[in-house]
Structures are given as C-alpha cells and as structure tokens.
C-alpha cells in the first residue's frame, strides 16, 4: 500500500460561511479568539467576502479551518506520511505535524498577514496555458530590469504559475506573457505582491516573531514550499517560513517530492479544494480526496489508511 500526504491550501481558498461547519464544536476556536482579540469563528461563519479577503483575517481563518478538519480526521486514527501546505497552508501542516498547536499557528499567521498587508503597491496574476517557464522567467527579468519588479511567485502545476510584483510591472507582464504564449493572464484579488522581493521587509520583522514561537520537532515530515524538501528540525522550519514570504512557492516540486517518496494518495483539507486540481494535473494517476466540512471528514471514514 502506498503512502498518504495531507495538503492544505493557502490564501484565496477562503469562502463565505466556511466556519459554519464548526458552530457546534467551537471550543478550540473560542480559545483562539482570546489570543487574537477578535471573534475568528464569527468572521469564518458570518463574515462578508470583503472581510474574509483581508489578509490578516483570511490567513488565520484558512489555517484554523484546514487544521481543525485534519485534527478531526486524525481522531479516527488516520495519520499522514507527509504534510504539504501551499503558502500560508504550511502553518496548518505544522499543526498536524505537531510542531505548534492551532492557537499558536493562528496567532502567527494573523501577525504574518498584518505584516504582509502593510507592503503596498503590489499585486499578483495567474498565468494559464504557458508551459515554457524559462521563457516566462526571461520575460519577468526583462521587465524588472527596466524598473519595477515582477517575479514568478508560485509554480503550481504544468501550464499554471503566478506572477507577483509592482502593479505596473504585473500589468506589463500580462501583455508580454500573452505575446510569449500564455493563453490567459488573470489578475488576482490580493492585497500585495506576496512571494516576491517586496515582502523582504515583512520577512525581516516576521523573523523576530517566529524567534519566540515554541516550535517542536515535527513528528511528520513537512515538505517545504521553499526547497521542496522534507524537514523536521524546528529552527530550520522557522528559517524556511521566513524565507517563504519572499521566495517562490514550489508546489509542483513539493508534490513530485511526495510522489517520489511513495505517496499515491493526497487528501486536501480546507474551506475549498483548489490544490486537488493542481495535483491531478501534476500526476493524473494519484488518488485525490477532499474534506471541506466535518461531514466530508466523516465521509472519509475507513477509506483513509490509519
């Protein structure tokens, strides 16, 4: 029997009403509220689309939702062989791996979101249908050399990546990448140029936040977005999480790393399931399952290897 990886989506996976699944079991989220100083469960269950798009709200909401679902599944005796998070989803992965508890993760990503949202004049766009990533890199390098920065932020799957940078540079890249072969370039509704060099000031400040966080060695291997390798050491994980703010998310390489390690089943826990389609495009032969509610966690039942 093959191995299983649990995966956790990042910002953009939030959805209005996502917290409804936890209204009957709010104890853990109420404890998180006391640490955050606002009602996260209320924002998750009744918050508007606009509220949930605020980075400092979206990030703890996504992490709390995804990690809570995975913890519920773990109570059945199920356990993954590896965990993978996409961007802020790595913090849900850390909770499942036993590195930090959910309260600590929620506080960290709330602070992370605040620091990221303070960096202005940036945006992101998804590039669809362009398989020549080297050419795309040359396009972004040429634009950056002329003034404002734009970089490849996420390597998601074959034919899909995300660019990030100054608003004007991203707009220029939309035109130039289409000329270079992209079928579509879709602006993303985000508050900044995440996973680009614009985030380095935020990373410097966030490093100090992480320094005092009580990380433990991971009981389950965490595949890092930064280098697509498996890590368990607390200080190394902290260093990678700092770098992750301005480094590219190498999600495709993370998935391939898991497959090379023997993983043939991926289970995505989150408010929605954007990673499942990416994984299927990376390798159509693997088994992919999703859980977005406690009811869907229950439906996984005995299908998941304990």
C-alpha atoms as a PDB file:
ATOM      1  CA  UNK A   1       0.000   0.000   0.000  1.00  0.00           C
ATOM      2  CA  UNK A   2       1.256   3.466  -0.896  1.00  0.00           C
ATOM      3  CA  UNK A   3       1.726   6.430   1.372  1.00  0.00           C
ATOM      4  CA  UNK A   4      -0.606   9.357   2.071  1.00  0.00           C
ATOM      5  CA  UNK A   5       0.058  13.115   2.138  1.00  0.00           C
ATOM      6  CA  UNK A   6      -2.306  15.653   3.655  1.00  0.00           C
ATOM      7  CA  UNK A   7      -2.314  19.001   1.856  1.00  0.00           C
ATOM      8  CA  UNK A   8      -3.551  22.423   2.932  1.00  0.00           C
ATOM      9  CA  UNK A   9      -4.453  25.372   0.658  1.00  0.00           C
ATOM     10  CA  UNK A  10      -3.364  28.969   1.024  1.00  0.00           C
ATOM     11  CA  UNK A  11      -4.914  32.403   0.687  1.00  0.00           C
ATOM     12  CA  UNK A  12      -7.735  32.537  -1.825  1.00  0.00           C
ATOM     13  CA  UNK A  13      -9.273  29.292  -0.576  1.00  0.00           C
ATOM     14  CA  UNK A  14     -11.453  31.133   1.963  1.00  0.00           C
ATOM     15  CA  UNK A  15     -15.214  31.162   1.350  1.00  0.00           C
ATOM     16  CA  UNK A  16     -18.166  32.993   2.907  1.00  0.00           C
ATOM     17  CA  UNK A  17     -19.775  30.755   5.534  1.00  0.00           C
ATOM     18  CA  UNK A  18     -16.744  28.492   5.823  1.00  0.00           C
ATOM     19  CA  UNK A  19     -16.937  28.393   9.624  1.00  0.00           C
ATOM     20  CA  UNK A  20     -20.491  27.009   9.711  1.00  0.00           C
ATOM     21  CA  UNK A  21     -19.048  23.514   9.991  1.00  0.00           C
ATOM     22  CA  UNK A  22     -17.569  24.362  13.416  1.00  0.00           C
ATOM     23  CA  UNK A  23     -20.524  26.133  15.038  1.00  0.00           C
ATOM     24  CA  UNK A  24     -21.474  23.001  17.002  1.00  0.00           C
ATOM     25  CA  UNK A  25     -17.886  22.432  18.153  1.00  0.00           C
ATOM     26  CA  UNK A  26     -16.463  25.884  18.874  1.00  0.00           C
ATOM     27  CA  UNK A  27     -14.251  25.277  21.922  1.00  0.00           C
ATOM     28  CA  UNK A  28     -10.896  25.360  20.196  1.00  0.00           C
ATOM     29  CA  UNK A  29     -11.784  28.361  18.059  1.00  0.00           C
ATOM     30  CA  UNK A  30     -13.043  30.239  21.112  1.00  0.00           C
ATOM     31  CA  UNK A  31      -9.641  29.740  22.703  1.00  0.00           C
ATOM     32  CA  UNK A  32      -8.069  31.139  19.548  1.00  0.00           C
ATOM     33  CA  UNK A  33     -10.368  34.179  19.771  1.00  0.00           C
ATOM     34  CA  UNK A  34      -8.878  35.051  23.155  1.00  0.00           C
ATOM     35  CA  UNK A  35      -5.382  35.031  21.680  1.00  0.00           C
ATOM     36  CA  UNK A  36      -6.319  37.035  18.577  1.00  0.00           C
ATOM     37  CA  UNK A  37      -8.523  39.591  20.273  1.00  0.00           C
ATOM     38  CA  UNK A  38     -11.388  39.206  17.796  1.00  0.00           C
ATOM     39  CA  UNK A  39     -14.041  36.602  17.023  1.00  0.00           C
ATOM     40  CA  UNK A  40     -12.444  34.439  14.342  1.00  0.00           C
ATOM     41  CA  UNK A  41     -15.308  31.928  14.326  1.00  0.00           C
ATOM     42  CA  UNK A  42     -17.800  34.735  13.703  1.00  0.00           C
ATOM     43  CA  UNK A  43     -15.678  36.018  10.814  1.00  0.00           C
ATOM     44  CA  UNK A  44     -15.470  32.500   9.394  1.00  0.00           C
ATOM     45  CA  UNK A  45     -19.164  31.722   9.800  1.00  0.00           C
ATOM     46  CA  UNK A  46     -20.795  35.099   9.127  1.00  0.00           C
ATOM     47  CA  UNK A  47     -18.085  37.361   7.723  1.00  0.00           C
ATOM     48  CA  UNK A  48     -18.585  39.092   4.394  1.00  0.00           C
ATOM     49  CA  UNK A  49     -16.491  38.361   1.323  1.00  0.00           C
ATOM     50  CA  UNK A  50     -14.731  41.688   1.867  1.00  0.00           C
ATOM     51  CA  UNK A  51     -13.857  40.871   5.477  1.00  0.00           C
ATOM     52  CA  UNK A  52     -12.524  37.444   4.556  1.00  0.00           C
ATOM     53  CA  UNK A  53     -10.336  38.966   1.850  1.00  0.00           C
ATOM     54  CA  UNK A  54      -8.418  40.993   4.438  1.00  0.00           C
ATOM     55  CA  UNK A  55      -5.083  39.213   4.685  1.00  0.00           C
ATOM     56  CA  UNK A  56      -4.894  39.378   8.483  1.00  0.00           C
ATOM     57  CA  UNK A  57      -8.342  37.728   8.730  1.00  0.00           C
ATOM     58  CA  UNK A  58      -8.118  35.342   5.772  1.00  0.00           C
ATOM     59  CA  UNK A  59      -4.890  33.703   6.884  1.00  0.00           C
ATOM     60  CA  UNK A  60      -5.924  32.619  10.408  1.00  0.00           C
ATOM     61  CA  UNK A  61      -9.376  31.666   9.091  1.00  0.00           C
ATOM     62  CA  UNK A  62      -7.923  29.357   6.435  1.00  0.00           C
ATOM     63  CA  UNK A  63      -5.384  27.801   8.795  1.00  0.00           C
ATOM     64  CA  UNK A  64      -7.913  27.280  11.594  1.00  0.00           C
ATOM     65  CA  UNK A  65     -10.445  25.741   9.212  1.00  0.00           C
ATOM     66  CA  UNK A  66      -7.993  23.405   7.475  1.00  0.00           C
ATOM     67  CA  UNK A  67      -6.151  22.288  10.605  1.00  0.00           C
ATOM     68  CA  UNK A  68      -9.406  21.704  12.511  1.00  0.00           C
ATOM     69  CA  UNK A  69     -10.680  19.417   9.757  1.00  0.00           C
ATOM     70  CA  UNK A  70      -7.413  17.476   9.708  1.00  0.00           C
ATOM     71  CA  UNK A  71      -7.417  17.156  13.508  1.00  0.00           C
ATOM     72  CA  UNK A  72     -10.957  15.799  13.351  1.00  0.00           C
ATOM     73  CA  UNK A  73      -9.838  13.188  10.838  1.00  0.00           C
ATOM     74  CA  UNK A  74      -6.797  12.318  12.948  1.00  0.00           C
ATOM     75  CA  UNK A  75      -9.139  11.388  15.801  1.00  0.00           C
ATOM     76  CA  UNK A  76     -10.248   8.390  13.715  1.00  0.00           C
ATOM     77  CA  UNK A  77      -6.685   7.076  13.905  1.00  0.00           C
ATOM     78  CA  UNK A  78      -5.685   8.296  10.455  1.00  0.00           C
ATOM     79  CA  UNK A  79      -2.242   9.822  10.051  1.00  0.00           C
ATOM     80  CA  UNK A  80      -0.326  11.116   7.021  1.00  0.00           C
ATOM     81  CA  UNK A  81       3.160  10.129   5.961  1.00  0.00           C
ATOM     82  CA  UNK A  82       3.925  13.685   4.810  1.00  0.00           C
ATOM     83  CA  UNK A  83       2.230  17.084   5.016  1.00  0.00           C
ATOM     84  CA  UNK A  84       2.306  19.871   2.416  1.00  0.00           C
ATOM     85  CA  UNK A  85       0.872  23.367   2.699  1.00  0.00           C
ATOM     86  CA  UNK A  86       0.567  25.931  -0.058  1.00  0.00           C
ATOM     87  CA  UNK A  87       1.908  29.252   1.252  1.00  0.00           C
ATOM     88  CA  UNK A  88       0.044  30.045   4.498  1.00  0.00           C
ATOM     89  CA  UNK A  89      -1.312  26.481   4.350  1.00  0.00           C
ATOM     90  CA  UNK A  90       2.094  25.383   5.636  1.00  0.00           C
ATOM     91  CA  UNK A  91       1.002  26.526   9.082  1.00  0.00           C
ATOM     92  CA  UNK A  92      -1.888  24.045   9.066  1.00  0.00           C
ATOM     93  CA  UNK A  93       0.660  21.424   8.019  1.00  0.00           C
ATOM     94  CA  UNK A  94       2.824  22.384  11.018  1.00  0.00           C
ATOM     95  CA  UNK A  95      -0.128  21.887  13.368  1.00  0.00           C
ATOM     96  CA  UNK A  96      -0.785  18.396  12.010  1.00  0.00           C
ATOM     97  CA  UNK A  97       2.928  17.584  12.215  1.00  0.00           C
ATOM     98  CA  UNK A  98       2.955  18.538  15.918  1.00  0.00           C
ATOM     99  CA  UNK A  99       5.322  21.493  15.517  1.00  0.00           C
ATOM    100  CA  UNK A 100       2.914  24.064  17.020  1.00  0.00           C
ATOM    101  CA  UNK A 101      -0.659  23.990  18.292  1.00  0.00           C
ATOM    102  CA  UNK A 102      -3.526  25.607  16.421  1.00  0.00           C
ATOM    103  CA  UNK A 103      -3.698  28.601  18.747  1.00  0.00           C
ATOM    104  CA  UNK A 104      -0.058  29.427  18.129  1.00  0.00           C
ATOM    105  CA  UNK A 105      -0.429  28.900  14.386  1.00  0.00           C
ATOM    106  CA  UNK A 106      -3.426  31.247  14.251  1.00  0.00           C
ATOM    107  CA  UNK A 107      -1.587  33.969  16.154  1.00  0.00           C
ATOM    108  CA  UNK A 108       1.474  33.617  13.909  1.00  0.00           C
ATOM    109  CA  UNK A 109      -0.438  33.871  10.653  1.00  0.00           C
ATOM    110  CA  UNK A 110      -2.531  36.772  11.945  1.00  0.00           C
ATOM    111  CA  UNK A 111       0.709  38.665  12.569  1.00  0.00           C
ATOM    112  CA  UNK A 112       2.093  37.401   9.246  1.00  0.00           C
ATOM    113  CA  UNK A 113      -0.996  38.704   7.470  1.00  0.00           C
ATOM    114  CA  UNK A 114      -0.721  42.128   9.111  1.00  0.00           C
ATOM    115  CA  UNK A 115       2.917  42.485   8.101  1.00  0.00           C
ATOM    116  CA  UNK A 116       2.216  41.372   4.538  1.00  0.00           C
ATOM    117  CA  UNK A 117      -0.733  43.737   4.135  1.00  0.00           C
ATOM    118  CA  UNK A 118       1.432  46.703   5.132  1.00  0.00           C
ATOM    119  CA  UNK A 119       3.512  46.301   1.942  1.00  0.00           C
ATOM    120  CA  UNK A 120       1.743  48.443  -0.669  1.00  0.00           C
ATOM    121  CA  UNK A 121       1.709  48.895  -4.465  1.00  0.00           C
ATOM    122  CA  UNK A 122       1.882  45.190  -5.272  1.00  0.00           C
ATOM    123  CA  UNK A 123      -0.406  42.628  -6.852  1.00  0.00           C
ATOM    124  CA  UNK A 124      -0.427  39.145  -8.413  1.00  0.00           C
ATOM    125  CA  UNK A 125      -1.794  37.394 -11.501  1.00  0.00           C
ATOM    126  CA  UNK A 126      -2.273  33.773 -12.532  1.00  0.00           C
ATOM    127  CA  UNK A 127      -0.724  32.734 -15.843  1.00  0.00           C
ATOM    128  CA  UNK A 128      -2.568  29.920 -17.610  1.00  0.00           C
ATOM    129  CA  UNK A 129      -1.504  27.785 -20.544  1.00  0.00           C
ATOM    130  CA  UNK A 130       2.180  28.690 -20.730  1.00  0.00           C
ATOM    131  CA  UNK A 131       4.449  25.661 -20.368  1.00  0.00           C
ATOM    132  CA  UNK A 132       7.757  27.377 -21.159  1.00  0.00           C
ATOM    133  CA  UNK A 133       8.571  28.594 -17.671  1.00  0.00           C
ATOM    134  CA  UNK A 134      12.113  29.531 -18.674  1.00  0.00           C
ATOM    135  CA  UNK A 135      10.722  31.963 -21.249  1.00  0.00           C
ATOM    136  CA  UNK A 136       8.334  33.363 -18.649  1.00  0.00           C
ATOM    137  CA  UNK A 137      11.272  33.890 -16.303  1.00  0.00           C
ATOM    138  CA  UNK A 138      13.133  35.819 -19.011  1.00  0.00           C
ATOM    139  CA  UNK A 139      10.054  37.992 -19.608  1.00  0.00           C
ATOM    140  CA  UNK A 140       9.777  38.899 -15.926  1.00  0.00           C
ATOM    141  CA  UNK A 141      13.516  39.513 -15.651  1.00  0.00           C
ATOM    142  CA  UNK A 142      13.412  41.905 -18.605  1.00  0.00           C
ATOM    143  CA  UNK A 143      10.523  43.885 -17.113  1.00  0.00           C
ATOM    144  CA  UNK A 144      12.196  44.019 -13.698  1.00  0.00           C
ATOM    145  CA  UNK A 145      15.434  45.275 -15.230  1.00  0.00           C
ATOM    146  CA  UNK A 146      13.585  48.264 -16.681  1.00  0.00           C
ATOM    147  CA  UNK A 147      12.322  49.478 -13.327  1.00  0.00           C
ATOM    148  CA  UNK A 148       9.522  47.932 -11.281  1.00  0.00           C
ATOM    149  CA  UNK A 149       9.887  44.353 -10.061  1.00  0.00           C
ATOM    150  CA  UNK A 150       7.831  41.339 -11.172  1.00  0.00           C
ATOM    151  CA  UNK A 151       8.702  37.718 -10.350  1.00  0.00           C
ATOM    152  CA  UNK A 152       7.286  34.212 -10.620  1.00  0.00           C
ATOM    153  CA  UNK A 153       5.712  33.656  -7.212  1.00  0.00           C
ATOM    154  CA  UNK A 154       4.055  30.225  -7.448  1.00  0.00           C
ATOM    155  CA  UNK A 155       4.979  27.227  -9.564  1.00  0.00           C
ATOM    156  CA  UNK A 156       1.633  25.459  -9.201  1.00  0.00           C
ATOM    157  CA  UNK A 157       1.444  22.791 -11.900  1.00  0.00           C
ATOM    158  CA  UNK A 158       2.335  22.288 -15.563  1.00  0.00           C
ATOM    159  CA  UNK A 159       0.860  25.188 -17.503  1.00  0.00           C
ATOM    160  CA  UNK A 160      -0.013  27.293 -14.467  1.00  0.00           C
ATOM    161  CA  UNK A 161       2.086  29.687 -12.453  1.00  0.00           C
ATOM    162  CA  UNK A 162       1.562  33.000 -10.653  1.00  0.00           C
ATOM    163  CA  UNK A 163       3.450  36.259 -11.041  1.00  0.00           C
ATOM    164  CA  UNK A 164       3.868  38.855  -8.319  1.00  0.00           C
ATOM    165  CA  UNK A 165       5.252  42.364  -8.134  1.00  0.00           C
ATOM    166  CA  UNK A 166       4.580  46.058  -8.596  1.00  0.00           C
ATOM    167  CA  UNK A 167       1.130  46.812 -10.024  1.00  0.00           C
ATOM    168  CA  UNK A 168       2.550  48.404 -13.176  1.00  0.00           C
ATOM    169  CA  UNK A 169       5.062  45.594 -13.738  1.00  0.00           C
ATOM    170  CA  UNK A 170       2.422  42.897 -13.368  1.00  0.00           C
ATOM    171  CA  UNK A 171       0.211  44.737 -15.848  1.00  0.00           C
ATOM    172  CA  UNK A 172       3.098  44.891 -18.341  1.00  0.00           C
ATOM    173  CA  UNK A 173       3.806  41.215 -17.757  1.00  0.00           C
ATOM    174  CA  UNK A 174       0.180  40.348 -18.591  1.00  0.00           C
ATOM    175  CA  UNK A 175       0.725  41.749 -22.084  1.00  0.00           C
ATOM    176  CA  UNK A 176       4.229  40.374 -22.606  1.00  0.00           C
ATOM    177  CA  UNK A 177       3.415  36.855 -21.359  1.00  0.00           C
ATOM    178  CA  UNK A 178       0.422  36.605 -23.683  1.00  0.00           C
ATOM    179  CA  UNK A 179       2.700  37.541 -26.560  1.00  0.00           C
ATOM    180  CA  UNK A 180       5.102  34.837 -25.357  1.00  0.00           C
ATOM    181  CA  UNK A 181       2.438  32.122 -25.434  1.00  0.00           C
ATOM    182  CA  UNK A 182       0.241  32.377 -22.343  1.00  0.00           C
ATOM    183  CA  UNK A 183      -3.405  31.642 -23.083  1.00  0.00           C
ATOM    184  CA  UNK A 184      -4.720  33.741 -20.207  1.00  0.00           C
ATOM    185  CA  UNK A 185      -3.362  36.019 -17.509  1.00  0.00           C
ATOM    186  CA  UNK A 186      -5.869  36.547 -14.718  1.00  0.00           C
ATOM    187  CA  UNK A 187      -5.407  39.318 -12.106  1.00  0.00           C
ATOM    188  CA  UNK A 188      -5.828  38.024  -8.556  1.00  0.00           C
ATOM    189  CA  UNK A 189      -7.741  39.889  -5.874  1.00  0.00           C
ATOM    190  CA  UNK A 190      -4.924  40.126  -3.330  1.00  0.00           C
ATOM    191  CA  UNK A 191      -3.607  42.971  -1.225  1.00  0.00           C
ATOM    192  CA  UNK A 192       0.058  42.710  -2.108  1.00  0.00           C
ATOM    193  CA  UNK A 193       2.953  41.203  -4.043  1.00  0.00           C
ATOM    194  CA  UNK A 194       3.220  38.010  -1.998  1.00  0.00           C
ATOM    195  CA  UNK A 195       6.182  35.674  -2.529  1.00  0.00           C
ATOM    196  CA  UNK A 196       8.288  38.362  -4.148  1.00  0.00           C
ATOM    197  CA  UNK A 197      11.190  40.528  -3.015  1.00  0.00           C
ATOM    198  CA  UNK A 198       8.665  43.175  -1.984  1.00  0.00           C
ATOM    199  CA  UNK A 199       7.977  41.004   1.062  1.00  0.00           C
ATOM    200  CA  UNK A 200      11.538  41.094   2.387  1.00  0.00           C
ATOM    201  CA  UNK A 201      10.859  43.921   4.887  1.00  0.00           C
ATOM    202  CA  UNK A 202       7.891  41.937   6.212  1.00  0.00           C
ATOM    203  CA  UNK A 203      10.060  38.818   6.414  1.00  0.00           C
ATOM    204  CA  UNK A 204      12.691  40.645   8.464  1.00  0.00           C
ATOM    205  CA  UNK A 205      10.074  41.641  11.023  1.00  0.00           C
ATOM    206  CA  UNK A 206       8.344  38.262  10.949  1.00  0.00           C
ATOM    207  CA  UNK A 207      11.637  36.510  11.692  1.00  0.00           C
ATOM    208  CA  UNK A 208      11.579  38.195  15.102  1.00  0.00           C
ATOM    209  CA  UNK A 209       8.017  36.980  15.663  1.00  0.00           C
ATOM    210  CA  UNK A 210       8.983  33.400  14.838  1.00  0.00           C
ATOM    211  CA  UNK A 211      12.065  33.554  17.058  1.00  0.00           C
ATOM    212  CA  UNK A 212       9.961  33.427  20.233  1.00  0.00           C
ATOM    213  CA  UNK A 213       7.477  30.830  18.968  1.00  0.00           C
ATOM    214  CA  UNK A 214       7.708  27.438  20.726  1.00  0.00           C
ATOM    215  CA  UNK A 215       8.368  25.127  17.762  1.00  0.00           C
ATOM    216  CA  UNK A 216       8.857  21.407  18.418  1.00  0.00           C
ATOM    217  CA  UNK A 217      10.484  18.836  16.122  1.00  0.00           C
ATOM    218  CA  UNK A 218       7.999  17.668  13.512  1.00  0.00           C
ATOM    219  CA  UNK A 219       6.611  14.180  14.114  1.00  0.00           C
ATOM    220  CA  UNK A 220       5.644  14.027  10.418  1.00  0.00           C
ATOM    221  CA  UNK A 221       7.843  15.243   7.580  1.00  0.00           C
ATOM    222  CA  UNK A 222       6.943  18.726   6.308  1.00  0.00           C
ATOM    223  CA  UNK A 223       7.643  19.348   2.617  1.00  0.00           C
ATOM    224  CA  UNK A 224       8.721  22.996   2.422  1.00  0.00           C
ATOM    225  CA  UNK A 225       7.491  25.350  -0.296  1.00  0.00           C
ATOM    226  CA  UNK A 226      10.929  26.954  -0.479  1.00  0.00           C
ATOM    227  CA  UNK A 227      13.100  23.965  -1.406  1.00  0.00           C
ATOM    228  CA  UNK A 228      10.567  21.132  -1.923  1.00  0.00           C
ATOM    229  CA  UNK A 229      12.453  19.017   0.604  1.00  0.00           C
ATOM    230  CA  UNK A 230      11.327  17.236   3.766  1.00  0.00           C
ATOM    231  CA  UNK A 231      12.137  18.887   7.092  1.00  0.00           C
ATOM    232  CA  UNK A 232      11.535  18.197  10.788  1.00  0.00           C
ATOM    233  CA  UNK A 233      14.018  20.435  12.672  1.00  0.00           C
ATOM    234  CA  UNK A 234      12.342  23.430  14.412  1.00  0.00           C
ATOM    235  CA  UNK A 235      14.974  26.075  13.639  1.00  0.00           C
ATOM    236  CA  UNK A 236      15.208  25.017  10.012  1.00  0.00           C
ATOM    237  CA  UNK A 237      11.427  25.203   9.692  1.00  0.00           C
ATOM    238  CA  UNK A 238      11.475  28.728  11.150  1.00  0.00           C
ATOM    239  CA  UNK A 239      14.153  29.816   8.688  1.00  0.00           C
ATOM    240  CA  UNK A 240      12.190  28.395   5.762  1.00  0.00           C
ATOM    241  CA  UNK A 241       8.972  30.079   6.916  1.00  0.00           C
ATOM    242  CA  UNK A 242      10.788  33.420   6.983  1.00  0.00           C
ATOM    243  CA  UNK A 243      12.195  32.841   3.506  1.00  0.00           C
ATOM    244  CA  UNK A 244       8.813  31.638   2.264  1.00  0.00           C
ATOM    245  CA  UNK A 245       7.431  35.172   2.497  1.00  0.00           C
ATOM    246  CA  UNK A 246       9.610  36.369  -0.381  1.00  0.00           C
ATOM    247  CA  UNK A 247      10.561  33.090  -2.095  1.00  0.00           C
ATOM    248  CA  UNK A 248       8.606  31.272  -4.799  1.00  0.00           C
ATOM    249  CA  UNK A 249       6.115  28.595  -3.739  1.00  0.00           C
ATOM    250  CA  UNK A 250       7.336  25.439  -5.484  1.00  0.00           C
ATOM    251  CA  UNK A 251       4.128  23.480  -5.087  1.00  0.00           C
ATOM    252  CA  UNK A 252       4.608  21.282  -8.167  1.00  0.00           C
ATOM    253  CA  UNK A 253       8.054  20.247  -6.917  1.00  0.00           C
ATOM    254  CA  UNK A 254       6.598  19.548  -3.444  1.00  0.00           C
ATOM    255  CA  UNK A 255       4.011  17.190  -4.903  1.00  0.00           C
ATOM    256  CA  UNK A 256       6.609  15.434  -7.047  1.00  0.00           C
ATOM    257  CA  UNK A 257       8.826  15.058  -3.966  1.00  0.00           C
ATOM    258  CA  UNK A 258       5.970  13.335  -2.141  1.00  0.00           C
ATOM    259  CA  UNK A 259       5.246  11.047  -5.099  1.00  0.00           C
ATOM    260  CA  UNK A 260       8.935  10.125  -5.349  1.00  0.00           C
ATOM    261  CA  UNK A 261       8.770   9.225  -1.633  1.00  0.00           C
ATOM    262  CA  UNK A 262       5.972   6.740  -2.333  1.00  0.00           C
ATOM    263  CA  UNK A 263       2.850   8.885  -1.831  1.00  0.00           C
ATOM    264  CA  UNK A 264      -0.043   7.805  -4.043  1.00  0.00           C
ATOM    265  CA  UNK A 265      -2.930   9.397  -2.106  1.00  0.00           C
ATOM    266  CA  UNK A 266      -3.419  13.084  -1.343  1.00  0.00           C
ATOM    267  CA  UNK A 267      -6.147  14.412   0.965  1.00  0.00           C
ATOM    268  CA  UNK A 268      -6.862  18.140   0.841  1.00  0.00           C
ATOM    269  CA  UNK A 269      -8.308  19.797   3.958  1.00  0.00           C
ATOM    270  CA  UNK A 270      -9.543  23.369   3.585  1.00  0.00           C
ATOM    271  CA  UNK A 271     -12.512  25.718   3.102  1.00  0.00           C
ATOM    272  CA  UNK A 272     -12.371  24.878  -0.615  1.00  0.00           C
ATOM    273  CA  UNK A 273     -10.153  22.479  -2.588  1.00  0.00           C
ATOM    274  CA  UNK A 274      -8.021  24.432  -5.089  1.00  0.00           C
ATOM    275  CA  UNK A 275      -4.990  22.158  -4.746  1.00  0.00           C
ATOM    276  CA  UNK A 276      -6.751  18.993  -5.861  1.00  0.00           C
ATOM    277  CA  UNK A 277      -6.987  20.124  -9.475  1.00  0.00           C
ATOM    278  CA  UNK A 278      -3.319  21.167  -9.441  1.00  0.00           C
ATOM    279  CA  UNK A 279      -2.247  17.772  -8.098  1.00  0.00           C
ATOM    280  CA  UNK A 280      -4.284  15.965 -10.743  1.00  0.00           C
ATOM    281  CA  UNK A 281      -2.504  17.989 -13.440  1.00  0.00           C
ATOM    282  CA  UNK A 282       0.864  17.138 -11.908  1.00  0.00           C
ATOM    283  CA  UNK A 283       0.125  13.393 -11.861  1.00  0.00           C
ATOM    284  CA  UNK A 284      -3.226  12.042 -13.033  1.00  0.00           C
ATOM    285  CA  UNK A 285      -2.545   8.582 -11.582  1.00  0.00           C
ATOM    286  CA  UNK A 286      -2.633   9.554  -7.899  1.00  0.00           C
ATOM    287  CA  UNK A 287      -5.752   9.329  -5.737  1.00  0.00           C
ATOM    288  CA  UNK A 288      -7.073  12.680  -4.515  1.00  0.00           C
ATOM    289  CA  UNK A 289      -9.689  13.251  -1.812  1.00  0.00           C
ATOM    290  CA  UNK A 290     -11.075  16.413  -0.233  1.00  0.00           C
ATOM    291  CA  UNK A 291     -12.663  17.459   3.042  1.00  0.00           C
ATOM    292  CA  UNK A 292     -14.117  20.970   3.336  1.00  0.00           C
ATOM    293  CA  UNK A 293     -16.611  20.249   6.162  1.00  0.00           C
ATOM    294  CA  UNK A 294     -16.817  17.956   9.182  1.00  0.00           C
ATOM    295  CA  UNK A 295     -19.423  15.944   7.263  1.00  0.00           C
ATOM    296  CA  UNK A 296     -16.908  15.333   4.482  1.00  0.00           C
ATOM    297  CA  UNK A 297     -14.291  14.360   7.071  1.00  0.00           C
ATOM    298  CA  UNK A 298     -16.742  11.769   8.407  1.00  0.00           C
ATOM    299  CA  UNK A 299     -17.309  10.538   4.866  1.00  0.00           C
ATOM    300  CA  UNK A 300     -13.600   9.761   4.526  1.00  0.00           C
ATOM    301  CA  UNK A 301     -14.146   7.114   7.200  1.00  0.00           C
ATOM    302  CA  UNK A 302     -12.294   3.870   6.762  1.00  0.00           C
ATOM    303  CA  UNK A 303     -11.198   4.783   3.259  1.00  0.00           C
ATOM    304  CA  UNK A 304      -8.181   6.534   4.672  1.00  0.00           C
ATOM    305  CA  UNK A 305      -5.263   4.388   5.777  1.00  0.00           C
ATOM    306  CA  UNK A 306      -4.689   4.763   9.515  1.00  0.00           C
END
